[in-house]
N, C-alpha and C. Protein backbone atom coordinates (compact mmCIF):
# COMPACT_ATOMS: atom_id res chain seq x y z
N MET A 1 38.93 -59.36 -58.00
CA MET A 1 38.48 -57.77 -58.05
C MET A 1 39.60 -57.18 -57.75
N GLN A 2 39.41 -55.99 -58.56
CA GLN A 2 41.24 -55.16 -58.10
C GLN A 2 40.79 -54.33 -57.03
N ALA A 3 41.44 -53.73 -56.33
CA ALA A 3 41.20 -52.45 -55.06
C ALA A 3 41.79 -51.63 -56.44
N ARG A 4 40.82 -50.16 -56.15
CA ARG A 4 40.82 -49.25 -56.88
C ARG A 4 41.90 -48.00 -56.50
N LEU A 5 42.21 -48.20 -55.01
CA LEU A 5 43.11 -47.52 -54.34
C LEU A 5 43.56 -48.08 -52.73
N SER A 6 44.29 -47.67 -51.87
CA SER A 6 44.39 -48.55 -50.89
C SER A 6 44.45 -47.26 -49.55
N TYR A 7 42.82 -46.86 -49.40
CA TYR A 7 42.40 -45.80 -48.79
C TYR A 7 43.82 -45.75 -47.00
N THR A 8 44.02 -46.83 -46.40
CA THR A 8 44.85 -47.09 -45.19
C THR A 8 45.93 -46.81 -45.47
N THR A 9 46.63 -46.46 -47.10
CA THR A 9 47.84 -46.00 -46.93
C THR A 9 48.15 -44.54 -47.72
N VAL A 10 46.78 -44.34 -48.29
CA VAL A 10 47.06 -42.65 -49.32
C VAL A 10 46.40 -42.11 -48.14
N SER A 11 45.46 -42.50 -47.29
CA SER A 11 45.01 -41.52 -45.83
C SER A 11 45.47 -42.06 -44.78
N PRO A 12 46.17 -42.27 -43.93
CA PRO A 12 46.11 -42.62 -42.45
C PRO A 12 45.19 -42.05 -41.68
N ASP A 13 44.95 -40.84 -41.74
CA ASP A 13 44.36 -40.51 -40.94
C ASP A 13 43.00 -40.41 -40.94
N ALA A 14 42.66 -40.86 -42.11
CA ALA A 14 40.89 -41.40 -42.56
C ALA A 14 40.81 -43.06 -41.57
N LEU A 15 42.05 -43.80 -41.47
CA LEU A 15 42.04 -44.77 -40.80
C LEU A 15 41.56 -44.67 -39.56
N LYS A 16 42.73 -43.70 -38.93
CA LYS A 16 42.72 -43.53 -37.35
C LYS A 16 40.89 -43.25 -37.19
N ALA A 17 40.25 -42.38 -38.15
CA ALA A 17 39.24 -41.81 -37.43
C ALA A 17 38.16 -42.58 -37.24
N LEU A 18 38.33 -44.24 -38.06
CA LEU A 18 37.30 -44.94 -38.48
C LEU A 18 37.72 -45.76 -37.36
N LEU A 19 38.96 -45.70 -37.06
CA LEU A 19 39.14 -46.89 -36.13
C LEU A 19 39.12 -45.74 -34.47
N GLU A 20 39.22 -45.21 -34.53
CA GLU A 20 38.25 -44.26 -32.75
C GLU A 20 37.02 -44.46 -32.77
N VAL A 21 36.27 -44.75 -34.00
CA VAL A 21 34.21 -45.14 -33.75
C VAL A 21 34.97 -46.49 -33.33
N GLU A 22 34.86 -47.45 -34.27
CA GLU A 22 35.23 -49.05 -33.66
C GLU A 22 35.81 -48.81 -32.28
N LYS A 23 36.87 -47.96 -31.49
CA LYS A 23 37.18 -48.26 -30.19
C LYS A 23 35.98 -48.17 -29.33
N TYR A 24 34.74 -47.12 -29.55
CA TYR A 24 34.31 -46.68 -28.97
C TYR A 24 33.21 -47.87 -28.96
N VAL A 25 32.50 -48.44 -30.33
CA VAL A 25 31.74 -49.47 -30.44
C VAL A 25 32.76 -51.03 -29.80
N GLU A 26 34.07 -51.31 -29.51
CA GLU A 26 34.03 -52.22 -28.64
C GLU A 26 34.08 -52.49 -27.27
N ALA A 27 34.07 -51.14 -26.89
CA ALA A 27 34.04 -50.90 -25.50
C ALA A 27 33.04 -50.56 -25.07
N SER A 28 31.94 -50.44 -25.88
CA SER A 28 30.11 -50.16 -25.80
C SER A 28 29.39 -51.03 -24.81
N GLY A 29 30.00 -52.20 -24.17
CA GLY A 29 29.24 -52.97 -23.83
C GLY A 29 28.13 -54.05 -24.33
N LEU A 30 27.97 -53.86 -25.52
CA LEU A 30 27.58 -54.96 -25.97
C LEU A 30 28.07 -55.78 -26.55
N GLU A 31 27.27 -57.00 -26.42
CA GLU A 31 27.71 -58.18 -27.00
C GLU A 31 28.40 -58.46 -27.92
N GLU A 32 29.52 -58.80 -28.14
CA GLU A 32 30.48 -59.43 -29.00
C GLU A 32 29.82 -59.98 -29.72
N SER A 33 28.81 -60.92 -29.84
CA SER A 33 28.19 -61.71 -30.80
C SER A 33 26.87 -60.93 -31.13
N LEU A 34 26.41 -59.87 -31.10
CA LEU A 34 25.49 -58.99 -31.19
C LEU A 34 25.95 -58.09 -32.58
N ARG A 35 27.50 -57.51 -31.78
CA ARG A 35 28.13 -57.05 -32.58
C ARG A 35 28.21 -57.73 -34.15
N ASP A 36 28.97 -59.01 -33.89
CA ASP A 36 29.20 -59.61 -34.86
C ASP A 36 27.91 -59.92 -35.92
N LEU A 37 26.94 -59.93 -35.44
CA LEU A 37 25.77 -60.27 -36.22
C LEU A 37 24.78 -59.00 -36.94
N VAL A 38 25.28 -57.82 -36.50
CA VAL A 38 25.10 -56.71 -36.84
C VAL A 38 25.68 -56.22 -37.97
N CYS A 39 26.82 -56.53 -37.72
CA CYS A 39 27.82 -56.11 -38.80
C CYS A 39 27.82 -56.88 -40.12
N MET A 40 27.46 -58.54 -39.92
CA MET A 40 27.17 -59.70 -41.01
C MET A 40 25.98 -58.36 -41.55
N ARG A 41 25.31 -58.50 -41.17
CA ARG A 41 23.28 -57.79 -41.79
C ARG A 41 23.75 -56.87 -42.94
N ALA A 42 24.47 -55.69 -41.62
CA ALA A 42 24.72 -54.20 -42.46
C ALA A 42 25.79 -54.89 -44.03
N SER A 43 26.71 -55.42 -44.22
CA SER A 43 27.60 -55.44 -44.51
C SER A 43 26.71 -56.88 -45.84
N GLN A 44 25.81 -57.45 -45.61
CA GLN A 44 24.73 -58.20 -46.43
C GLN A 44 24.23 -57.35 -47.09
N ILE A 45 23.91 -56.17 -46.85
CA ILE A 45 22.63 -55.38 -47.19
C ILE A 45 23.36 -54.32 -48.57
N ASN A 46 24.67 -53.77 -47.63
CA ASN A 46 25.46 -53.35 -48.61
C ASN A 46 26.53 -53.83 -49.53
N GLY A 47 26.41 -55.20 -49.32
CA GLY A 47 27.06 -55.79 -50.50
C GLY A 47 28.57 -55.79 -50.29
N CYS A 48 29.35 -55.57 -49.33
CA CYS A 48 30.52 -55.74 -48.75
C CYS A 48 31.51 -56.77 -48.53
N ALA A 49 31.81 -57.28 -49.55
CA ALA A 49 32.60 -58.78 -50.14
C ALA A 49 33.62 -59.17 -48.34
N PHE A 50 34.16 -57.86 -48.69
CA PHE A 50 35.16 -57.81 -47.81
C PHE A 50 34.83 -57.85 -45.91
N CYS A 51 33.50 -56.87 -45.43
CA CYS A 51 33.29 -56.71 -44.22
C CYS A 51 32.95 -58.35 -44.28
N LEU A 52 31.75 -58.74 -44.96
CA LEU A 52 31.11 -60.24 -44.78
C LEU A 52 32.28 -61.23 -44.50
N ASP A 53 33.97 -61.42 -45.19
CA ASP A 53 34.81 -62.07 -44.97
C ASP A 53 35.02 -62.09 -43.70
N MET A 54 35.53 -60.91 -43.13
CA MET A 54 36.45 -60.56 -42.02
C MET A 54 35.07 -60.96 -40.74
N HIS A 55 33.73 -60.06 -40.88
CA HIS A 55 32.86 -60.16 -40.52
C HIS A 55 32.50 -62.15 -39.73
N ALA A 56 32.36 -63.08 -40.79
CA ALA A 56 32.05 -64.35 -40.75
C ALA A 56 33.22 -64.93 -40.37
N LYS A 57 34.66 -64.55 -40.48
CA LYS A 57 35.59 -65.25 -40.11
C LYS A 57 35.45 -64.93 -38.07
N ASP A 58 35.21 -63.53 -37.43
CA ASP A 58 35.58 -63.61 -36.05
C ASP A 58 34.26 -64.11 -35.61
N ALA A 59 32.93 -64.00 -36.03
CA ALA A 59 31.98 -64.50 -35.88
C ALA A 59 32.42 -65.57 -35.59
N ARG A 60 33.16 -66.98 -35.99
CA ARG A 60 33.59 -68.44 -36.11
C ARG A 60 33.89 -68.58 -35.03
N ALA A 61 35.27 -67.74 -35.31
CA ALA A 61 36.22 -68.16 -34.08
C ALA A 61 35.63 -67.75 -32.70
N SER A 62 34.61 -66.77 -32.79
CA SER A 62 34.12 -66.74 -31.30
C SER A 62 33.09 -67.41 -30.65
N GLY A 63 32.76 -68.52 -32.00
CA GLY A 63 31.76 -69.77 -31.73
C GLY A 63 30.31 -69.84 -32.00
N GLU A 64 30.21 -68.41 -32.99
CA GLU A 64 28.93 -68.72 -33.76
C GLU A 64 28.47 -69.60 -34.84
N THR A 65 27.47 -69.70 -34.63
CA THR A 65 27.14 -71.02 -35.60
C THR A 65 27.25 -70.77 -37.02
N GLU A 66 27.29 -71.82 -37.70
CA GLU A 66 27.06 -71.77 -39.49
C GLU A 66 25.91 -71.63 -39.83
N GLN A 67 24.74 -72.06 -38.91
CA GLN A 67 23.15 -71.84 -39.47
C GLN A 67 22.77 -70.78 -39.00
N ARG A 68 23.36 -69.91 -37.60
CA ARG A 68 22.90 -68.33 -37.97
C ARG A 68 23.53 -67.51 -38.68
N LEU A 69 24.88 -67.71 -39.09
CA LEU A 69 25.31 -66.95 -39.71
C LEU A 69 24.51 -67.26 -41.54
N TYR A 70 24.22 -68.75 -41.80
CA TYR A 70 23.58 -68.70 -42.89
C TYR A 70 22.13 -68.22 -43.07
N GLY A 71 21.67 -68.35 -42.03
CA GLY A 71 20.64 -68.05 -41.60
C GLY A 71 20.46 -66.31 -41.70
N LEU A 72 21.10 -65.52 -41.34
CA LEU A 72 20.92 -63.79 -41.07
C LEU A 72 20.36 -63.40 -42.56
N SER A 73 20.60 -63.67 -43.58
CA SER A 73 20.10 -62.52 -44.27
C SER A 73 18.37 -62.88 -44.46
N ALA A 74 17.72 -64.43 -44.10
CA ALA A 74 16.25 -63.72 -43.89
C ALA A 74 16.07 -64.64 -42.15
N TRP A 75 16.80 -63.63 -41.71
CA TRP A 75 16.70 -63.56 -39.94
C TRP A 75 15.47 -63.51 -39.77
N TRP A 76 14.26 -63.06 -39.78
CA TRP A 76 13.17 -62.28 -39.86
C TRP A 76 11.95 -63.89 -39.52
N GLU A 77 12.59 -64.80 -40.42
CA GLU A 77 12.30 -66.04 -40.72
C GLU A 77 12.80 -67.53 -39.96
N MET A 78 13.67 -67.60 -39.07
CA MET A 78 14.60 -67.91 -38.66
C MET A 78 14.36 -67.69 -37.18
N PRO A 79 14.50 -69.31 -36.65
CA PRO A 79 13.82 -69.52 -34.98
C PRO A 79 15.27 -69.21 -34.21
N PHE A 80 16.55 -69.07 -34.60
CA PHE A 80 17.83 -69.12 -34.58
C PHE A 80 18.42 -67.66 -33.54
N TYR A 81 17.53 -66.86 -33.43
CA TYR A 81 17.51 -65.66 -33.26
C TYR A 81 16.70 -64.87 -31.84
N THR A 82 17.42 -64.68 -30.49
CA THR A 82 16.80 -64.02 -29.56
C THR A 82 16.20 -62.92 -30.35
N GLU A 83 15.22 -62.45 -28.91
CA GLU A 83 14.65 -61.20 -29.28
C GLU A 83 15.17 -59.80 -29.43
N ARG A 84 16.24 -60.00 -28.39
CA ARG A 84 17.20 -58.50 -28.25
C ARG A 84 17.89 -58.70 -29.84
N GLU A 85 18.13 -59.96 -30.24
CA GLU A 85 19.09 -59.62 -31.39
C GLU A 85 18.04 -59.17 -32.62
N ARG A 86 16.73 -59.91 -32.48
CA ARG A 86 15.74 -59.49 -33.69
C ARG A 86 15.91 -58.18 -33.75
N ALA A 87 15.53 -57.57 -32.55
CA ALA A 87 15.59 -56.20 -32.30
C ALA A 87 16.42 -54.83 -33.02
N ALA A 88 17.75 -55.62 -32.53
CA ALA A 88 19.26 -55.35 -33.33
C ALA A 88 18.86 -55.09 -34.96
N LEU A 89 18.71 -56.48 -34.94
CA LEU A 89 18.86 -56.65 -37.11
C LEU A 89 17.76 -55.78 -37.43
N ALA A 90 16.66 -55.69 -36.92
CA ALA A 90 15.79 -54.87 -37.52
C ALA A 90 16.03 -53.31 -37.91
N TRP A 91 16.97 -52.91 -36.22
CA TRP A 91 17.61 -51.86 -36.17
C TRP A 91 18.35 -51.54 -37.14
N THR A 92 19.09 -52.96 -36.99
CA THR A 92 20.18 -52.42 -37.91
C THR A 92 19.59 -52.46 -40.11
N GLU A 93 19.38 -52.99 -40.25
CA GLU A 93 17.94 -52.55 -41.48
C GLU A 93 18.00 -51.23 -41.60
N ALA A 94 16.91 -50.98 -40.54
CA ALA A 94 16.50 -49.63 -40.83
C ALA A 94 17.24 -48.38 -40.93
N VAL A 95 18.49 -48.49 -39.96
CA VAL A 95 19.11 -47.42 -39.83
C VAL A 95 20.68 -47.51 -41.39
N THR A 96 20.39 -48.53 -41.55
CA THR A 96 21.61 -48.39 -43.07
C THR A 96 20.53 -48.34 -44.37
N LEU A 97 19.62 -48.19 -43.69
CA LEU A 97 18.41 -48.51 -45.08
C LEU A 97 17.84 -46.67 -44.77
N VAL A 98 18.40 -45.81 -44.02
CA VAL A 98 17.72 -44.65 -43.82
C VAL A 98 16.93 -43.84 -44.97
N ALA A 99 17.51 -43.97 -45.31
CA ALA A 99 16.83 -42.99 -46.77
C ALA A 99 15.70 -43.74 -46.79
N ASP A 100 15.28 -44.46 -47.18
CA ASP A 100 13.85 -45.69 -47.66
C ASP A 100 13.32 -45.84 -46.08
N SER A 101 13.95 -46.02 -45.24
CA SER A 101 12.98 -46.43 -44.15
C SER A 101 12.47 -45.06 -43.02
N ARG A 102 13.68 -44.36 -42.85
CA ARG A 102 12.81 -43.38 -42.06
C ARG A 102 13.07 -43.84 -40.96
N VAL A 103 13.42 -44.88 -40.13
CA VAL A 103 13.69 -45.78 -39.02
C VAL A 103 12.39 -45.63 -38.15
N PRO A 104 11.14 -46.77 -39.15
CA PRO A 104 9.66 -46.72 -38.32
C PRO A 104 9.86 -46.56 -37.04
N ASP A 105 8.56 -45.93 -36.18
CA ASP A 105 8.53 -45.97 -34.84
C ASP A 105 8.46 -47.24 -34.11
N GLU A 106 7.99 -48.48 -35.09
CA GLU A 106 7.66 -50.10 -34.46
C GLU A 106 9.06 -50.29 -34.53
N VAL A 107 9.96 -50.26 -35.38
CA VAL A 107 11.24 -50.62 -35.16
C VAL A 107 11.96 -50.31 -33.77
N TYR A 108 11.64 -48.57 -33.92
CA TYR A 108 11.96 -48.24 -32.81
C TYR A 108 11.94 -48.37 -31.10
N GLU A 109 10.12 -48.93 -31.42
CA GLU A 109 9.50 -49.58 -30.22
C GLU A 109 10.12 -51.05 -29.53
N GLN A 110 10.46 -51.44 -30.87
CA GLN A 110 10.92 -52.93 -30.40
C GLN A 110 12.34 -52.86 -29.55
N ALA A 111 13.20 -52.10 -30.55
CA ALA A 111 14.57 -51.84 -29.69
C ALA A 111 14.16 -51.49 -28.19
N ARG A 112 13.63 -50.56 -28.30
CA ARG A 112 13.33 -49.87 -26.93
C ARG A 112 13.21 -50.79 -25.51
N LYS A 113 12.06 -51.89 -26.01
CA LYS A 113 11.85 -52.97 -25.36
C LYS A 113 13.10 -54.02 -24.47
N GLN A 114 14.43 -53.65 -25.55
CA GLN A 114 15.16 -54.97 -25.54
C GLN A 114 16.95 -53.94 -24.99
N PHE A 115 16.90 -52.85 -25.67
CA PHE A 115 18.09 -52.10 -25.13
C PHE A 115 17.57 -50.88 -24.12
N THR A 116 18.87 -50.51 -22.95
CA THR A 116 18.63 -49.56 -22.38
C THR A 116 18.75 -48.12 -23.76
N GLU A 117 18.58 -46.92 -23.21
CA GLU A 117 18.85 -45.97 -24.06
C GLU A 117 20.60 -45.73 -24.47
N LYS A 118 21.35 -45.79 -23.67
CA LYS A 118 22.84 -45.79 -23.89
C LYS A 118 23.34 -47.23 -24.64
N GLU A 119 22.15 -48.54 -24.27
CA GLU A 119 22.91 -49.56 -25.41
C GLU A 119 22.31 -48.57 -26.60
N LEU A 120 21.06 -48.37 -26.80
CA LEU A 120 20.60 -48.21 -27.93
C LEU A 120 21.82 -46.67 -28.83
N VAL A 121 21.88 -46.36 -28.09
CA VAL A 121 23.32 -45.08 -28.86
C VAL A 121 24.42 -46.56 -29.27
N SER A 122 24.94 -46.95 -28.22
CA SER A 122 26.03 -47.86 -28.70
C SER A 122 25.59 -48.97 -29.62
N LEU A 123 24.33 -49.13 -30.00
CA LEU A 123 23.69 -50.11 -31.23
C LEU A 123 23.82 -49.37 -32.45
N THR A 124 23.29 -47.91 -31.92
CA THR A 124 23.81 -47.14 -33.58
C THR A 124 25.02 -46.72 -33.93
N MET A 125 25.69 -46.50 -32.87
CA MET A 125 27.37 -46.49 -33.28
C MET A 125 27.99 -47.54 -33.62
N THR A 126 27.49 -49.20 -33.23
CA THR A 126 27.95 -49.71 -34.34
C THR A 126 27.31 -49.98 -35.63
N VAL A 127 26.26 -49.66 -35.29
CA VAL A 127 24.90 -49.65 -37.09
C VAL A 127 26.40 -48.45 -38.07
N ILE A 128 26.42 -47.26 -37.56
CA ILE A 128 27.04 -46.54 -38.11
C ILE A 128 28.55 -46.67 -38.75
N ALA A 129 29.57 -47.35 -37.10
CA ALA A 129 30.56 -48.06 -37.72
C ALA A 129 30.62 -48.76 -38.75
N ILE A 130 30.00 -49.77 -38.87
CA ILE A 130 29.82 -51.08 -39.91
C ILE A 130 29.83 -50.42 -41.44
N ASN A 131 28.72 -49.49 -41.00
CA ASN A 131 28.21 -48.82 -42.39
C ASN A 131 29.32 -48.01 -43.23
N SER A 132 30.25 -47.28 -42.16
CA SER A 132 31.09 -46.69 -42.96
C SER A 132 32.06 -47.69 -43.32
N TRP A 133 32.87 -48.77 -42.45
CA TRP A 133 33.33 -49.39 -43.26
C TRP A 133 33.08 -50.23 -44.52
N ASN A 134 31.92 -50.12 -44.81
CA ASN A 134 31.16 -50.70 -45.58
C ASN A 134 31.56 -49.73 -47.01
N ARG A 135 31.45 -48.95 -47.20
CA ARG A 135 31.29 -47.77 -47.76
C ARG A 135 32.77 -47.81 -48.15
N VAL A 136 33.60 -47.29 -47.39
CA VAL A 136 35.30 -47.39 -47.90
C VAL A 136 35.61 -48.56 -48.30
N ASN A 137 35.22 -49.46 -48.22
CA ASN A 137 35.67 -50.92 -49.17
C ASN A 137 34.90 -51.13 -49.47
N VAL A 138 33.64 -51.05 -50.35
CA VAL A 138 32.96 -51.39 -51.26
C VAL A 138 32.96 -50.27 -52.78
N ALA A 139 33.59 -48.63 -52.25
CA ALA A 139 34.13 -47.76 -53.05
C ALA A 139 35.08 -47.90 -53.47
N PHE A 140 36.13 -48.36 -53.15
CA PHE A 140 37.71 -48.88 -53.43
C PHE A 140 38.09 -50.12 -53.45
N ARG A 141 37.46 -50.27 -53.61
CA ARG A 141 36.78 -52.44 -54.05
C ARG A 141 37.93 -53.27 -52.96
N THR A 142 37.76 -52.77 -51.99
CA THR A 142 38.97 -53.79 -50.96
C THR A 142 38.98 -55.43 -51.27
N PRO A 143 39.66 -55.82 -51.85
CA PRO A 143 39.53 -57.07 -51.99
C PRO A 143 39.14 -58.22 -51.12
N ALA A 144 38.31 -59.56 -50.86
CA ALA A 144 37.94 -60.17 -49.76
C ALA A 144 38.93 -60.96 -50.11
N GLY A 145 38.44 -61.91 -48.70
CA GLY A 145 39.53 -63.13 -48.25
C GLY A 145 40.71 -63.76 -48.05
N HIS A 146 41.83 -62.76 -47.70
CA HIS A 146 42.91 -62.33 -47.21
C HIS A 146 42.92 -62.49 -45.52
N TYR A 147 41.83 -61.88 -45.05
CA TYR A 147 41.28 -61.33 -43.38
C TYR A 147 41.69 -62.54 -42.66
N ARG A 148 42.81 -62.65 -41.76
CA ARG A 148 43.23 -64.11 -40.55
C ARG A 148 42.16 -62.99 -39.34
N SER A 149 41.01 -63.96 -38.98
CA SER A 149 40.94 -63.06 -37.05
C SER A 149 41.72 -63.25 -35.98
N SER A 150 41.91 -61.80 -35.59
CA SER A 150 43.04 -62.03 -34.20
C SER A 150 42.44 -62.48 -33.56
N ARG A 151 41.24 -63.09 -33.59
CA ARG A 151 40.18 -64.17 -32.70
C ARG A 151 40.30 -64.99 -32.77
N GLN A 152 40.33 -65.66 -33.66
CA GLN A 152 41.05 -66.96 -34.09
C GLN A 152 42.83 -67.18 -33.87
N ALA A 153 43.22 -66.42 -34.27
CA ALA A 153 44.59 -66.20 -33.47
C ALA A 153 44.92 -66.54 -32.47
N HIS A 154 44.19 -65.83 -31.55
CA HIS A 154 44.17 -65.93 -30.03
C HIS A 154 44.00 -67.13 -29.75
N LYS A 155 42.92 -67.73 -30.12
CA LYS A 155 42.46 -69.00 -29.52
C LYS A 155 43.31 -69.90 -29.82
N GLU A 156 44.08 -69.64 -31.29
CA GLU A 156 45.34 -70.98 -31.18
C GLU A 156 46.55 -71.07 -30.42
N GLU A 157 46.59 -69.50 -29.88
CA GLU A 157 47.72 -69.47 -28.92
C GLU A 157 47.27 -70.21 -27.20
N GLN A 158 45.66 -69.82 -26.87
CA GLN A 158 45.31 -70.29 -26.10
C GLN A 158 45.42 -72.15 -26.06
N ALA A 159 45.27 -72.71 -26.95
CA ALA A 159 45.25 -73.86 -27.08
C ALA A 159 46.58 -74.64 -27.27
N VAL A 160 47.60 -73.72 -27.28
CA VAL A 160 49.26 -74.35 -27.13
C VAL A 160 49.72 -74.96 -25.82
N PRO A 161 50.15 -75.99 -26.17
CA PRO A 161 50.60 -76.29 -24.22
C PRO A 161 51.88 -75.71 -24.20
N HIS A 162 51.08 -74.98 -22.49
CA HIS A 162 52.65 -74.49 -22.71
C HIS A 162 53.41 -75.20 -21.08
N GLY A 163 54.49 -75.44 -21.47
CA GLY A 163 55.20 -76.36 -20.65
C GLY A 163 56.72 -75.84 -19.72
C-alpha cells in the first residue's frame, strides 16, 4: 500500500493536536497494558494496519502475551482477560461503534463496576484518541510495518551491561 499523503508533514499542527490528547491518555493513570488492549481492539474494528502494527509491537515489548493478543478479536470467548479488561473492551467497542451501539446502558453499568468516574473519562479519552489515530492513518493509507517500539528500545538499553 502506498500512502496518499503524509499528514505529519503537511500539517504539523494537526499532529500536535493529536499528541496533546495522547499526553493526557498516557498521564491518565490507566494501566499501560489496558491501554494497549484498548488500542489494539479499536484498531481491529477500524481496520487500521499501521496502529495494529504499532500497538502489537508496544504491547509485546511491555510483556503482553501472544495468546492474549491473538485472542483479542474474540475476547468475550476467551478466559485470558480480567473483568476490568472485559469492561474496557466492551466500552471500547461501544464507543468506537457509537453510531450503531449508542453505548448501551448495560455496557455503561459493566464499566462503572470496574472504573471510577475519572477512570471512565480517561478510558473514553483513550478510545477517542485511538479512533482519531485510526481515522487519520486509514484515510491517508499510512503504511504499516516500519514502526519500532520505543518500549523495546528502552528494554534493550537496560539490558546492556554498564561497566
